[in-house]
C-alpha atoms as a PDB file:
ATOM      1  CA  MET A   1      -8.364  22.781  14.601  1.00  0.00           C
ATOM      2  CA  THR A   2      -5.974  22.877  11.602  1.00  0.00           C
ATOM      3  CA  VAL A   3      -7.490  21.259   8.407  1.00  0.00           C
ATOM      4  CA  VAL A   4      -5.190  18.995   6.917  1.00  0.00           C
ATOM      5  CA  SER A   5      -5.728  17.706   3.274  1.00  0.00           C
ATOM      6  CA  LEU A   6      -4.404  15.043   0.895  1.00  0.00           C
ATOM      7  CA  THR A   7      -3.573  17.780  -1.697  1.00  0.00           C
ATOM      8  CA  ASP A   8      -2.043  15.409  -4.231  1.00  0.00           C
ATOM      9  CA  VAL A   9      -0.891  11.857  -5.102  1.00  0.00           C
ATOM     10  CA  ALA A  10       1.473  10.310  -7.683  1.00  0.00           C
ATOM     11  CA  SER A  11       2.809   7.001  -8.455  1.00  0.00           C
ATOM     12  CA  TYR A  12       5.290   4.890 -10.388  1.00  0.00           C
ATOM     13  CA  LEU A  13       5.405   1.402 -11.742  1.00  0.00           C
ATOM     14  CA  PRO A  14       8.669  -0.160 -12.982  1.00  0.00           C
ATOM     15  CA  GLY A  15       9.418  -1.927 -16.265  1.00  0.00           C
ATOM     16  CA  GLU A  16       7.238  -3.632 -18.552  1.00  0.00           C
ATOM     17  CA  PRO A  17       4.207  -5.926 -17.178  1.00  0.00           C
ATOM     18  CA  VAL A  18       4.958  -9.510 -16.504  1.00  0.00           C
ATOM     19  CA  PRO A  19       2.606 -12.058 -17.504  1.00  0.00           C
ATOM     20  CA  ALA A  20       1.175 -14.679 -15.273  1.00  0.00           C
ATOM     21  CA  ALA A  21       2.932 -17.576 -17.425  1.00  0.00           C
ATOM     22  CA  TYR A  22       6.197 -16.238 -16.133  1.00  0.00           C
ATOM     23  CA  TYR A  23       5.036 -18.173 -13.024  1.00  0.00           C
ATOM     24  CA  THR A  24       2.568 -20.612 -14.117  1.00  0.00           C
ATOM     25  CA  GLU A  25       4.991 -21.935 -16.867  1.00  0.00           C
ATOM     26  CA  TYR A  26       8.083 -21.999 -14.583  1.00  0.00           C
ATOM     27  CA  PRO A  27       9.531 -25.886 -14.574  1.00  0.00           C
ATOM     28  CA  ASP A  28       8.825 -26.235 -10.753  1.00  0.00           C
ATOM     29  CA  ALA A  29       5.577 -24.483 -10.614  1.00  0.00           C
ATOM     30  CA  GLU A  30       3.172 -26.228  -8.129  1.00  0.00           C
ATOM     31  CA  ASP A  31      -0.590 -26.173  -7.709  1.00  0.00           C
ATOM     32  CA  LYS A  32      -0.879 -27.043  -3.970  1.00  0.00           C
ATOM     33  CA  LEU A  33      -2.733 -23.789  -2.994  1.00  0.00           C
ATOM     34  CA  ARG A  34      -3.159 -22.512  -6.485  1.00  0.00           C
ATOM     35  CA  ASP A  35      -6.821 -22.815  -6.205  1.00  0.00           C
ATOM     36  CA  HIS A  36      -7.379 -21.097  -2.834  1.00  0.00           C
ATOM     37  CA  PRO A  37      -9.121 -17.745  -3.021  1.00  0.00           C
ATOM     38  CA  MET A  38      -5.988 -16.167  -1.495  1.00  0.00           C
ATOM     39  CA  PHE A  39      -3.918 -17.063  -4.527  1.00  0.00           C
ATOM     40  CA  LYS A  40      -6.073 -16.634  -7.709  1.00  0.00           C
ATOM     41  CA  ILE A  41      -3.349 -15.175 -10.014  1.00  0.00           C
ATOM     42  CA  PRO A  42      -3.808 -11.859 -11.901  1.00  0.00           C
ATOM     43  CA  PRO A  43      -3.039 -11.643 -15.347  1.00  0.00           C
ATOM     44  CA  LEU A  44      -0.237  -8.950 -15.072  1.00  0.00           C
ATOM     45  CA  ARG A  45       2.406  -7.358 -12.402  1.00  0.00           C
ATOM     46  CA  HIS A  46       5.262  -5.283 -12.731  1.00  0.00           C
ATOM     47  CA  HIS A  47       8.650  -5.961 -11.159  1.00  0.00           C
ATOM     48  CA  ALA A  48      11.598  -3.562  -9.950  1.00  0.00           C
ATOM     49  CA  ALA A  49      14.472  -4.085 -12.055  1.00  0.00           C
ATOM     50  CA  ALA A  50      17.796  -5.507 -10.673  1.00  0.00           C
ATOM     51  CA  GLY A  51      19.395  -3.062  -8.475  1.00  0.00           C
ATOM     52  CA  GLU A  52      16.320  -0.793  -8.319  1.00  0.00           C
ATOM     53  CA  THR A  53      16.163   0.531  -4.860  1.00  0.00           C
ATOM     54  CA  ASN A  54      13.416   1.800  -2.667  1.00  0.00           C
ATOM     55  CA  THR A  55      15.073   5.250  -3.194  1.00  0.00           C
ATOM     56  CA  ASP A  56      15.074   4.772  -6.829  1.00  0.00           C
ATOM     57  CA  MET A  57      11.381   4.155  -6.937  1.00  0.00           C
ATOM     58  CA  ILE A  58      10.073   6.835  -4.443  1.00  0.00           C
ATOM     59  CA  GLU A  59      12.460   9.416  -6.610  1.00  0.00           C
ATOM     60  CA  ARG A  60      10.504   8.553  -9.783  1.00  0.00           C
ATOM     61  CA  ALA A  61       6.933   8.521  -8.075  1.00  0.00           C
ATOM     62  CA  VAL A  62       7.742  12.003  -6.769  1.00  0.00           C
ATOM     63  CA  GLN A  63       8.681  13.442  -9.951  1.00  0.00           C
ATOM     64  CA  PRO A  64       5.135  14.214 -10.945  1.00  0.00           C
ATOM     65  CA  LEU A  65       4.301  16.184  -7.871  1.00  0.00           C
ATOM     66  CA  VAL A  66       7.670  18.231  -8.383  1.00  0.00           C
ATOM     67  CA  GLU A  67       6.287  18.821 -11.771  1.00  0.00           C
ATOM     68  CA  ARG A  68       2.654  19.997 -10.422  1.00  0.00           C
ATOM     69  CA  HIS A  69       3.999  21.798  -7.275  1.00  0.00           C
ATOM     70  CA  GLY A  70       7.477  23.013  -8.044  1.00  0.00           C
ATOM     71  CA  ARG A  71      10.702  21.629  -6.745  1.00  0.00           C
ATOM     72  CA  ASP A  72      10.976  24.223  -3.886  1.00  0.00           C
ATOM     73  CA  GLU A  73       7.336  22.928  -2.690  1.00  0.00           C
ATOM     74  CA  ILE A  74       8.394  19.507  -2.192  1.00  0.00           C
ATOM     75  CA  ARG A  75      11.937  20.236  -1.020  1.00  0.00           C
ATOM     76  CA  GLY A  76      10.302  22.638   1.789  1.00  0.00           C
ATOM     77  CA  VAL A  77       8.343  19.832   3.387  1.00  0.00           C
ATOM     78  CA  ASP A  78       8.443  19.856   6.935  1.00  0.00           C
ATOM     79  CA  VAL A  79       7.538  15.974   7.523  1.00  0.00           C
ATOM     80  CA  LEU A  80       8.781  12.971   5.562  1.00  0.00           C
ATOM     81  CA  LEU A  81       7.303   9.520   6.295  1.00  0.00           C
ATOM     82  CA  VAL A  82       8.520   6.355   4.225  1.00  0.00           C
ATOM     83  CA  HIS A  83       7.626   2.814   4.257  1.00  0.00           C
ATOM     84  CA  SER A  84       9.714   0.346   2.547  1.00  0.00           C
ATOM     85  CA  GLN A  85       8.296  -3.274   2.039  1.00  0.00           C
ATOM     86  CA  LEU A  86      11.764  -4.668   1.972  1.00  0.00           C
ATOM     87  CA  PRO A  87      14.368  -2.548   3.091  1.00  0.00           C
ATOM     88  CA  ASP A  88      17.474  -2.325   0.860  1.00  0.00           C
ATOM     89  CA  ILE A  89      19.987  -2.442   3.904  1.00  0.00           C
ATOM     90  CA  PRO A  90      19.194  -4.248   7.254  1.00  0.00           C
ATOM     91  CA  PHE A  91      18.951  -1.863  10.135  1.00  0.00           C
ATOM     92  CA  VAL A  92      18.379   1.187   7.938  1.00  0.00           C
ATOM     93  CA  GLY A  93      14.970   2.506   6.438  1.00  0.00           C
ATOM     94  CA  ALA A  94      15.019   4.577   3.305  1.00  0.00           C
ATOM     95  CA  GLY A  95      13.805   7.697   4.838  1.00  0.00           C
ATOM     96  CA  THR A  96      17.383   9.441   5.158  1.00  0.00           C
ATOM     97  CA  GLU A  97      18.378   8.480   1.517  1.00  0.00           C
ATOM     98  CA  VAL A  98      15.275   9.789   0.013  1.00  0.00           C
ATOM     99  CA  ALA A  99      15.841  13.173   1.874  1.00  0.00           C
ATOM    100  CA  ARG A 100      19.352  13.280   0.466  1.00  0.00           C
ATOM    101  CA  ARG A 101      18.120  12.111  -3.139  1.00  0.00           C
ATOM    102  CA  LEU A 102      15.416  14.911  -3.114  1.00  0.00           C
ATOM    103  CA  GLY A 103      17.043  17.392  -1.354  1.00  0.00           C
ATOM    104  CA  LEU A 104      14.926  17.671   1.508  1.00  0.00           C
ATOM    105  CA  ARG A 105      15.486  18.738   5.100  1.00  0.00           C
ATOM    106  CA  PRO A 106      12.424  17.699   6.954  1.00  0.00           C
ATOM    107  CA  GLU A 107      12.100  18.649  10.911  1.00  0.00           C
ATOM    108  CA  TRP A 108      10.314  15.424  10.825  1.00  0.00           C
ATOM    109  CA  LEU A 109      11.687  12.083   9.334  1.00  0.00           C
ATOM    110  CA  ILE A 110      10.033   8.582  10.264  1.00  0.00           C
ATOM    111  CA  ASP A 111      10.650   5.299   8.489  1.00  0.00           C
ATOM    112  CA  VAL A 112       7.395   3.541   9.201  1.00  0.00           C
ATOM    113  CA  ALA A 113       7.957  -0.251   9.437  1.00  0.00           C
ATOM    114  CA  ASN A 114       4.691  -1.248  10.574  1.00  0.00           C
ATOM    115  CA  ALA A 115       1.053  -1.188   8.934  1.00  0.00           C
ATOM    116  CA  GLY A 116       2.276  -3.034   5.842  1.00  0.00           C
ATOM    117  CA  CYS A 117      -0.530  -3.094   3.216  1.00  0.00           C
ATOM    118  CA  ALA A 118      -2.470  -0.373   4.891  1.00  0.00           C
ATOM    119  CA  SER A 119       0.559   1.648   5.562  1.00  0.00           C
ATOM    120  CA  PHE A 120      -0.443   4.901   3.338  1.00  0.00           C
ATOM    121  CA  VAL A 121      -3.497   5.219   5.887  1.00  0.00           C
ATOM    122  CA  HIS A 122      -1.323   4.846   8.910  1.00  0.00           C
ATOM    123  CA  MET A 123       1.192   7.718   7.572  1.00  0.00           C
ATOM    124  CA  LEU A 124      -1.782   9.749   6.590  1.00  0.00           C
ATOM    125  CA  LYS A 125      -3.114   9.526  10.402  1.00  0.00           C
ATOM    126  CA  LEU A 126       0.691  10.298  11.518  1.00  0.00           C
ATOM    127  CA  ALA A 127       1.091  13.208   9.083  1.00  0.00           C
ATOM    128  CA  ARG A 128      -2.433  14.792  10.134  1.00  0.00           C
ATOM    129  CA  GLN A 129      -1.203  14.528  13.932  1.00  0.00           C
ATOM    130  CA  ILE A 130       1.848  16.041  13.259  1.00  0.00           C
ATOM    131  CA  LEU A 131       0.543  19.053  10.924  1.00  0.00           C
ATOM    132  CA  THR A 132      -2.412  19.621  13.623  1.00  0.00           C
ATOM    133  CA  THR A 133      -0.148  19.816  16.559  1.00  0.00           C
ATOM    134  CA  THR A 134       3.112  21.455  15.449  1.00  0.00           C
ATOM    135  CA  ASP A 135       4.221  24.301  13.409  1.00  0.00           C
ATOM    136  CA  ALA A 136       4.694  21.795  10.379  1.00  0.00           C
ATOM    137  CA  THR A 137       2.682  22.644   7.351  1.00  0.00           C
ATOM    138  CA  THR A 138       3.629  19.860   4.685  1.00  0.00           C
ATOM    139  CA  ALA A 139       4.366  16.421   4.525  1.00  0.00           C
ATOM    140  CA  LEU A 140       5.586  13.835   2.018  1.00  0.00           C
ATOM    141  CA  ILE A 141       4.354  10.335   2.555  1.00  0.00           C
ATOM    142  CA  CYS A 142       5.840   7.496   0.352  1.00  0.00           C
ATOM    143  CA  THR A 143       5.414   3.664   0.293  1.00  0.00           C
ATOM    144  CA  ALA A 144       7.421   1.607  -1.779  1.00  0.00           C
ATOM    145  CA  GLN A 145       6.839  -2.045  -2.543  1.00  0.00           C
ATOM    146  CA  ASN A 146       9.730  -4.028  -4.003  1.00  0.00           C
ATOM    147  CA  LEU A 147       9.087  -7.684  -3.010  1.00  0.00           C
ATOM    148  CA  ALA A 148       7.788  -8.932  -6.386  1.00  0.00           C
ATOM    149  CA  GLY A 149      10.985  -8.676  -8.529  1.00  0.00           C
ATOM    150  CA  GLN A 150      13.388  -9.518  -5.345  1.00  0.00           C
ATOM    151  CA  TRP A 151      11.820 -11.996  -3.226  1.00  0.00           C
ATOM    152  CA  PHE A 152       9.239 -13.932  -5.074  1.00  0.00           C
ATOM    153  CA  THR A 153      11.341 -14.681  -8.414  1.00  0.00           C
ATOM    154  CA  ARG A 154      13.860 -16.792  -6.712  1.00  0.00           C
ATOM    155  CA  SER A 155      14.396 -20.226  -7.993  1.00  0.00           C
ATOM    156  CA  GLU A 156      12.712 -21.951  -4.871  1.00  0.00           C
ATOM    157  CA  VAL A 157       9.916 -19.510  -4.417  1.00  0.00           C
ATOM    158  CA  ARG A 158       8.953 -18.579  -8.079  1.00  0.00           C
ATOM    159  CA  GLY A 159       6.863 -21.844  -8.360  1.00  0.00           C
ATOM    160  CA  LEU A 160       4.928 -21.402  -5.302  1.00  0.00           C
ATOM    161  CA  ALA A 161       1.428 -20.087  -5.514  1.00  0.00           C
ATOM    162  CA  GLN A 162       2.329 -17.158  -3.287  1.00  0.00           C
ATOM    163  CA  ALA A 163       4.820 -15.781  -5.671  1.00  0.00           C
ATOM    164  CA  ALA A 164       2.569 -14.854  -8.336  1.00  0.00           C
ATOM    165  CA  ILE A 165       0.312 -12.468  -6.816  1.00  0.00           C
ATOM    166  CA  PRO A 166       2.556  -9.631  -5.933  1.00  0.00           C
ATOM    167  CA  GLY A 167       3.662  -6.778  -8.105  1.00  0.00           C
ATOM    168  CA  ASP A 168       5.906  -3.751  -7.563  1.00  0.00           C
ATOM    169  CA  GLY A 169       5.399  -0.111  -7.098  1.00  0.00           C
ATOM    170  CA  CYS A 170       5.434   2.993  -5.482  1.00  0.00           C
ATOM    171  CA  GLY A 171       3.013   5.584  -4.399  1.00  0.00           C
ATOM    172  CA  VAL A 172       3.273   8.974  -2.792  1.00  0.00           C
ATOM    173  CA  GLY A 173       1.310  11.437  -1.204  1.00  0.00           C
ATOM    174  CA  LEU A 174       1.451  15.403  -0.540  1.00  0.00           C
ATOM    175  CA  VAL A 175      -0.286  16.145   2.546  1.00  0.00           C
ATOM    176  CA  THR A 176      -0.650  19.960   3.571  1.00  0.00           C
ATOM    177  CA  ALA A 177      -2.271  22.229   6.261  1.00  0.00           C
ATOM    178  CA  SER A 178      -4.978  23.519   3.952  1.00  0.00           C
ATOM    179  CA  THR A 179      -8.414  22.953   2.836  1.00  0.00           C
ATOM    180  CA  GLU A 180      -8.049  21.766  -0.465  1.00  0.00           C
ATOM    181  CA  SER A 181      -9.116  18.106  -0.188  1.00  0.00           C
ATOM    182  CA  PRO A 182      -9.677  17.692   3.706  1.00  0.00           C
ATOM    183  CA  VAL A 183      -9.055  14.477   5.492  1.00  0.00           C
ATOM    184  CA  LEU A 184     -12.203  14.306   7.364  1.00  0.00           C
ATOM    185  CA  ASP A 185     -11.398  11.416   9.634  1.00  0.00           C
ATOM    186  CA  VAL A 186      -8.859   8.315  10.104  1.00  0.00           C
ATOM    187  CA  GLU A 187      -9.669   5.309  11.950  1.00  0.00           C
ATOM    188  CA  THR A 188      -6.846   2.759  12.806  1.00  0.00           C
ATOM    189  CA  ARG A 189      -6.460  -0.327  14.894  1.00  0.00           C
ATOM    190  CA  HIS A 190      -3.232  -1.970  16.118  1.00  0.00           C
ATOM    191  CA  LEU A 191      -4.248  -5.556  16.775  1.00  0.00           C
ATOM    192  CA  GLY A 192      -1.585  -7.124  18.714  1.00  0.00           C
ATOM    193  CA  ARG A 193      -3.274 -10.337  19.214  1.00  0.00           C
ATOM    194  CA  TYR A 194      -2.591 -11.514  15.358  1.00  0.00           C
ATOM    195  CA  ALA A 195       0.923 -10.136  15.855  1.00  0.00           C
ATOM    196  CA  GLY A 196       3.410 -12.853  14.774  1.00  0.00           C
ATOM    197  CA  ASP A 197       0.774 -14.701  12.682  1.00  0.00           C
ATOM    198  CA  MET A 198       2.357 -13.907   9.412  1.00  0.00           C
ATOM    199  CA  THR A 199       5.846 -15.978   9.401  1.00  0.00           C
ATOM    200  CA  VAL A 200       8.803 -16.180   7.273  1.00  0.00           C
ATOM    201  CA  VAL A 201       9.784 -19.961   6.787  1.00  0.00           C
ATOM    202  CA  LEU A 202      13.224 -21.804   5.584  1.00  0.00           C
ATOM    203  CA  ASP A 203      13.194 -25.449   4.643  1.00  0.00           C
ATOM    204  CA  ASP A 204      16.509 -25.835   6.795  1.00  0.00           C
ATOM    205  CA  GLY A 205      15.164 -24.349   9.925  1.00  0.00           C
ATOM    206  CA  ARG A 206      17.690 -21.523  10.017  1.00  0.00           C
ATOM    207  CA  ARG A 207      16.909 -17.827  10.872  1.00  0.00           C
ATOM    208  CA  TYR A 208      16.563 -15.700   7.821  1.00  0.00           C
ATOM    209  CA  TRP A 209      20.071 -13.887   8.454  1.00  0.00           C
ATOM    210  CA  GLU A 210      21.885 -17.023   9.102  1.00  0.00           C
ATOM    211  CA  ALA A 211      24.078 -18.503   6.518  1.00  0.00           C
ATOM    212  CA  GLY A 212      22.569 -21.455   4.507  1.00  0.00           C
ATOM    213  CA  LYS A 213      21.178 -22.405   1.123  1.00  0.00           C
ATOM    214  CA  SER A 214      17.289 -22.619   1.443  1.00  0.00           C
ATOM    215  CA  GLN A 215      15.494 -19.347   0.333  1.00  0.00           C
ATOM    216  CA  PRO A 216      12.960 -17.665   2.611  1.00  0.00           C
ATOM    217  CA  ARG A 217       9.241 -17.699   2.006  1.00  0.00           C
ATOM    218  CA  ILE A 218       6.052 -16.556   3.538  1.00  0.00           C
ATOM    219  CA  GLY A 219       4.793 -19.173   5.917  1.00  0.00           C
ATOM    220  CA  PHE A 220       1.509 -19.785   4.304  1.00  0.00           C
ATOM    221  CA  THR A 221      -0.439 -23.160   4.711  1.00  0.00           C
ATOM    222  CA  GLU A 222      -4.104 -23.887   3.562  1.00  0.00           C
ATOM    223  CA  ASP A 223      -5.420 -23.461   7.289  1.00  0.00           C
ATOM    224  CA  SER A 224      -3.381 -20.202   7.735  1.00  0.00           C
ATOM    225  CA  ALA A 225      -4.551 -18.716   4.748  1.00  0.00           C
ATOM    226  CA  THR A 226      -8.124 -19.550   5.408  1.00  0.00           C
ATOM    227  CA  GLU A 227      -7.800 -18.041   8.605  1.00  0.00           C
ATOM    228  CA  VAL A 228      -6.544 -14.751   7.178  1.00  0.00           C
ATOM    229  CA  LEU A 229      -8.974 -14.673   4.490  1.00  0.00           C
ATOM    230  CA  ALA A 230     -11.770 -14.791   7.202  1.00  0.00           C
ATOM    231  CA  ARG A 231      -9.933 -12.224   9.581  1.00  0.00           C
ATOM    232  CA  GLY A 232      -9.369  -9.876   6.637  1.00  0.00           C
ATOM    233  CA  ASN A 233     -12.940 -10.146   5.388  1.00  0.00           C
ATOM    234  CA  ARG A 234     -14.121  -8.917   8.714  1.00  0.00           C
ATOM    235  CA  LEU A 235     -11.485  -6.079   9.600  1.00  0.00           C
ATOM    236  CA  VAL A 236     -11.869  -3.843   6.478  1.00  0.00           C
ATOM    237  CA  PRO A 237     -15.463  -3.434   6.590  1.00  0.00           C
ATOM    238  CA  GLU A 238     -15.265  -3.066  10.420  1.00  0.00           C
ATOM    239  CA  VAL A 239     -13.185  -0.197  10.339  1.00  0.00           C
ATOM    240  CA  VAL A 240     -14.807   1.452   7.294  1.00  0.00           C
ATOM    241  CA  MET A 241     -18.215   1.176   9.118  1.00  0.00           C
ATOM    242  CA  ASP A 242     -16.851   2.897  12.235  1.00  0.00           C
ATOM    243  CA  LEU A 243     -15.423   5.738  10.283  1.00  0.00           C
ATOM    244  CA  CYS A 244     -18.615   6.469   8.179  1.00  0.00           C
ATOM    245  CA  GLY A 245     -20.504   6.260  11.784  1.00  0.00           C
ATOM    246  CA  ARG A 246     -18.288   8.699  13.187  1.00  0.00           C
ATOM    247  CA  LEU A 247     -18.922  10.883  10.243  1.00  0.00           C
ATOM    248  CA  GLY A 248     -22.550  10.496   9.864  1.00  0.00           C
ATOM    249  CA  VAL A 249     -22.503   8.891   6.561  1.00  0.00           C
ATOM    250  CA  ALA A 250     -23.888   5.720   5.260  1.00  0.00           C
ATOM    251  CA  THR A 251     -21.152   3.180   3.735  1.00  0.00           C
ATOM    252  CA  THR A 252     -23.301   3.337   0.556  1.00  0.00           C
ATOM    253  CA  GLU A 253     -22.512   7.180   0.399  1.00  0.00           C
ATOM    254  CA  ILE A 254     -18.918   6.410  -0.314  1.00  0.00           C
ATOM    255  CA  ASP A 255     -18.361   7.713  -3.707  1.00  0.00           C
ATOM    256  CA  VAL A 256     -15.013   6.127  -4.413  1.00  0.00           C
ATOM    257  CA  PHE A 257     -13.514   3.201  -2.311  1.00  0.00           C
ATOM    258  CA  ILE A 258      -9.838   2.354  -2.682  1.00  0.00           C
ATOM    259  CA  THR A 259      -8.140  -0.687  -0.663  1.00  0.00           C
ATOM    260  CA  ASN A 260      -5.168  -2.579  -0.577  1.00  0.00           C
ATOM    261  CA  GLN A 261      -5.777  -5.425  -2.952  1.00  0.00           C
ATOM    262  CA  PRO A 262      -4.293  -8.812  -1.883  1.00  0.00           C
ATOM    263  CA  ASN A 263      -6.829 -10.673  -4.054  1.00  0.00           C
ATOM    264  CA  ARG A 264     -10.009 -10.560  -5.918  1.00  0.00           C
ATOM    265  CA  THR A 265     -11.903 -12.508  -3.150  1.00  0.00           C
ATOM    266  CA  PHE A 266     -11.107  -9.690  -0.514  1.00  0.00           C
ATOM    267  CA  LEU A 267     -12.321  -6.859  -3.116  1.00  0.00           C
ATOM    268  CA  ARG A 268     -15.479  -8.719  -3.725  1.00  0.00           C
ATOM    269  CA  ASN A 269     -16.308  -9.459  -0.100  1.00  0.00           C
ATOM    270  CA  TRP A 270     -15.560  -6.009   1.138  1.00  0.00           C
ATOM    271  CA  ARG A 271     -17.642  -4.147  -1.300  1.00  0.00           C
ATOM    272  CA  GLU A 272     -20.637  -6.465  -0.840  1.00  0.00           C
ATOM    273  CA  ALA A 273     -20.273  -5.972   2.866  1.00  0.00           C
ATOM    274  CA  LEU A 274     -20.335  -2.023   2.480  1.00  0.00           C
ATOM    275  CA  GLN A 275     -23.138  -2.540  -0.296  1.00  0.00           C
ATOM    276  CA  LEU A 276     -21.107  -0.764  -2.802  1.00  0.00           C
ATOM    277  CA  PRO A 277     -21.335  -1.474  -6.626  1.00  0.00           C
ATOM    278  CA  SER A 278     -17.973  -2.689  -8.166  1.00  0.00           C
ATOM    279  CA  GLU A 279     -17.856   0.615 -10.232  1.00  0.00           C
ATOM    280  CA  ARG A 280     -17.340   2.517  -6.940  1.00  0.00           C
ATOM    281  CA  HIS A 281     -14.569   0.291  -5.510  1.00  0.00           C
ATOM    282  CA  LEU A 282     -11.438   0.953  -7.594  1.00  0.00           C
ATOM    283  CA  HIS A 283      -8.571  -1.406  -7.634  1.00  0.00           C
ATOM    284  CA  THR A 284      -5.449  -2.101 -10.107  1.00  0.00           C
ATOM    285  CA  PHE A 285      -5.175  -5.827  -9.132  1.00  0.00           C
ATOM    286  CA  ASP A 286      -5.513  -7.388 -12.905  1.00  0.00           C
ATOM    287  CA  GLN A 287      -3.015  -4.821 -14.116  1.00  0.00           C
ATOM    288  CA  CYS A 288      -0.530  -4.973 -11.172  1.00  0.00           C
ATOM    289  CA  GLY A 289      -1.276  -7.665  -8.704  1.00  0.00           C
ATOM    290  CA  ASN A 290      -0.827  -7.222  -4.858  1.00  0.00           C
ATOM    291  CA  LEU A 291       0.991  -3.841  -4.514  1.00  0.00           C
ATOM    292  CA  PHE A 292       1.124  -4.231  -0.539  1.00  0.00           C
ATOM    293  CA  GLY A 293       1.580  -0.852   0.833  1.00  0.00           C
ATOM    294  CA  ALA A 294       1.553   0.929  -2.612  1.00  0.00           C
ATOM    295  CA  ALA A 295      -1.720  -0.199  -3.772  1.00  0.00           C
ATOM    296  CA  ILE A 296      -3.632   2.592  -2.310  1.00  0.00           C
ATOM    297  CA  PRO A 297      -1.741   5.569  -3.610  1.00  0.00           C
ATOM    298  CA  ILE A 298      -1.282   3.964  -6.854  1.00  0.00           C
ATOM    299  CA  THR A 299      -4.853   3.235  -7.331  1.00  0.00           C
ATOM    300  CA  LEU A 300      -5.615   6.519  -6.250  1.00  0.00           C
ATOM    301  CA  ASP A 301      -3.327   8.012  -8.732  1.00  0.00           C
ATOM    302  CA  HIS A 302      -4.547   5.968 -11.604  1.00  0.00           C
ATOM    303  CA  ALA A 303      -8.291   6.729 -10.606  1.00  0.00           C
ATOM    304  CA  ILE A 304      -7.813  10.321 -10.549  1.00  0.00           C
ATOM    305  CA  ARG A 305      -5.632  10.466 -13.805  1.00  0.00           C
ATOM    306  CA  SER A 306      -8.316   8.529 -15.499  1.00  0.00           C
ATOM    307  CA  GLN A 307     -11.058  11.107 -14.216  1.00  0.00           C
ATOM    308  CA  HIS A 308     -12.800   8.367 -12.083  1.00  0.00           C
ATOM    309  CA  VAL A 309     -12.640  10.602  -9.010  1.00  0.00           C
ATOM    310  CA  GLU A 310     -14.895  14.004  -9.414  1.00  0.00           C
ATOM    311  CA  ASP A 311     -14.718  16.883  -7.649  1.00  0.00           C
ATOM    312  CA  GLY A 312     -16.428  17.027  -4.333  1.00  0.00           C
ATOM    313  CA  GLU A 313     -16.678  13.059  -4.110  1.00  0.00           C
ATOM    314  CA  LEU A 314     -16.162  11.290  -0.842  1.00  0.00           C
ATOM    315  CA  VAL A 315     -13.243   8.924  -1.061  1.00  0.00           C
ATOM    316  CA  VAL A 316     -12.681   6.317   1.444  1.00  0.00           C
ATOM    317  CA  LEU A 317      -8.994   4.411   1.798  1.00  0.00           C
ATOM    318  CA  GLY A 318      -8.945   1.395   3.688  1.00  0.00           C
ATOM    319  CA  GLY A 319      -7.070  -1.741   4.338  1.00  0.00           C
ATOM    320  CA  PHE A 320      -5.165  -4.308   6.574  1.00  0.00           C
ATOM    321  CA  ALA A 321      -1.839  -5.230   7.244  1.00  0.00           C
ATOM    322  CA  HIS A 322      -0.025  -8.701   7.486  1.00  0.00           C
ATOM    323  CA  ALA A 323      -2.245 -11.398   8.937  1.00  0.00           C
ATOM    324  CA  GLY A 324      -4.411  -8.835  10.452  1.00  0.00           C
ATOM    325  CA  ASP A 325      -2.229  -7.001  13.012  1.00  0.00           C
ATOM    326  CA  PHE A 326      -3.511  -3.599  11.709  1.00  0.00           C
ATOM    327  CA  ALA A 327      -6.666  -2.105  10.029  1.00  0.00           C
ATOM    328  CA  GLY A 328      -7.335   1.214   8.896  1.00  0.00           C
ATOM    329  CA  ALA A 329      -9.637   3.596   6.949  1.00  0.00           C
ATOM    330  CA  ALA A 330      -9.466   7.151   5.995  1.00  0.00           C
ATOM    331  CA  ALA A 331     -12.020   9.604   4.257  1.00  0.00           C
ATOM    332  CA  ILE A 332     -11.240  12.340   2.347  1.00  0.00           C
ATOM    333  CA  ARG A 333     -13.426  15.138   0.594  1.00  0.00           C
ATOM    334  CA  TRP A 334     -11.634  15.108  -2.992  1.00  0.00           C
ATOM    335  CA  HIS A 335     -10.937  18.441  -4.733  1.00  0.00           C
ATOM    336  CA  GLY A 336      -7.782  17.679  -6.370  1.00  0.00           C
ATOM    337  CA  GLY A 337      -9.060  18.986  -9.800  1.00  0.00           C
ATOM    338  CA  ARG A 338      -6.351  17.441 -11.882  1.00  0.00           C
ATOM    339  CA  GLY A 339      -7.239  15.066 -14.928  1.00  0.00           C
END
């Protein structure tokens, strides 16, 4: 069987850090859910600039890969997988525009709309499947998060507890048919019973594409937030434990654990469930907030650059999406060797 590696990752954070006061000192700020564990505010986050598109962020995130591996290597990828948290144009994913901007001509191009906050794991599994069953040998996987500066800063949403948590950014990965940093296994679950539990709400009752003045927001209530918290607490440890069980390793043998990062409560509960010390569960929540699908590659890139990932270590990536309709985990034996 062909061995597939996560050969490299890179990332991009837009603009200067935005302090929590941008939200908490907003004239219409309310505290109804502010003390709920789901909505404890990170000190900082980044916002995509006005007019900064998914493709703009992906192009900037890919640049370090170009510098390290050469433009021809990146332009020659066979597979391009792209997840955009907030598509720039209705109906159209960013994938084809990314290909045009970067000069790619992939045989496989897929815009991945599902898997949200765990989309990097999902796309890693898709890339691995394609590279082991076809003639393709290289893949570029990209996830762009641009909700914070475009969705959560609007006048009717900015004061809500949910608005202060997200941050914007982009993470990308180069996947190759090689033994450099082998992907040991990937565990994913599509959980249809939770589909539709995440909702978009408008006060005037219209659908989001219909004309009107109210601004859409995520339909969180205290009860729904508590339910998602309980569900997420269970789902991520479950997929990680099953993955480790299949590999024949204990969760305590994980050297580096990186997840999506909705809030500090999830981060603490996940590492405690897996019996991992905090120094092995890396995150960028305090600097970047909830990065949705971009959190895993951005945090992994930052960890590698700060030399928190050593040669030969077992790296496990994990997360869940939306209100729990997807969960996944991937194990990599890291041999990236860059500082």
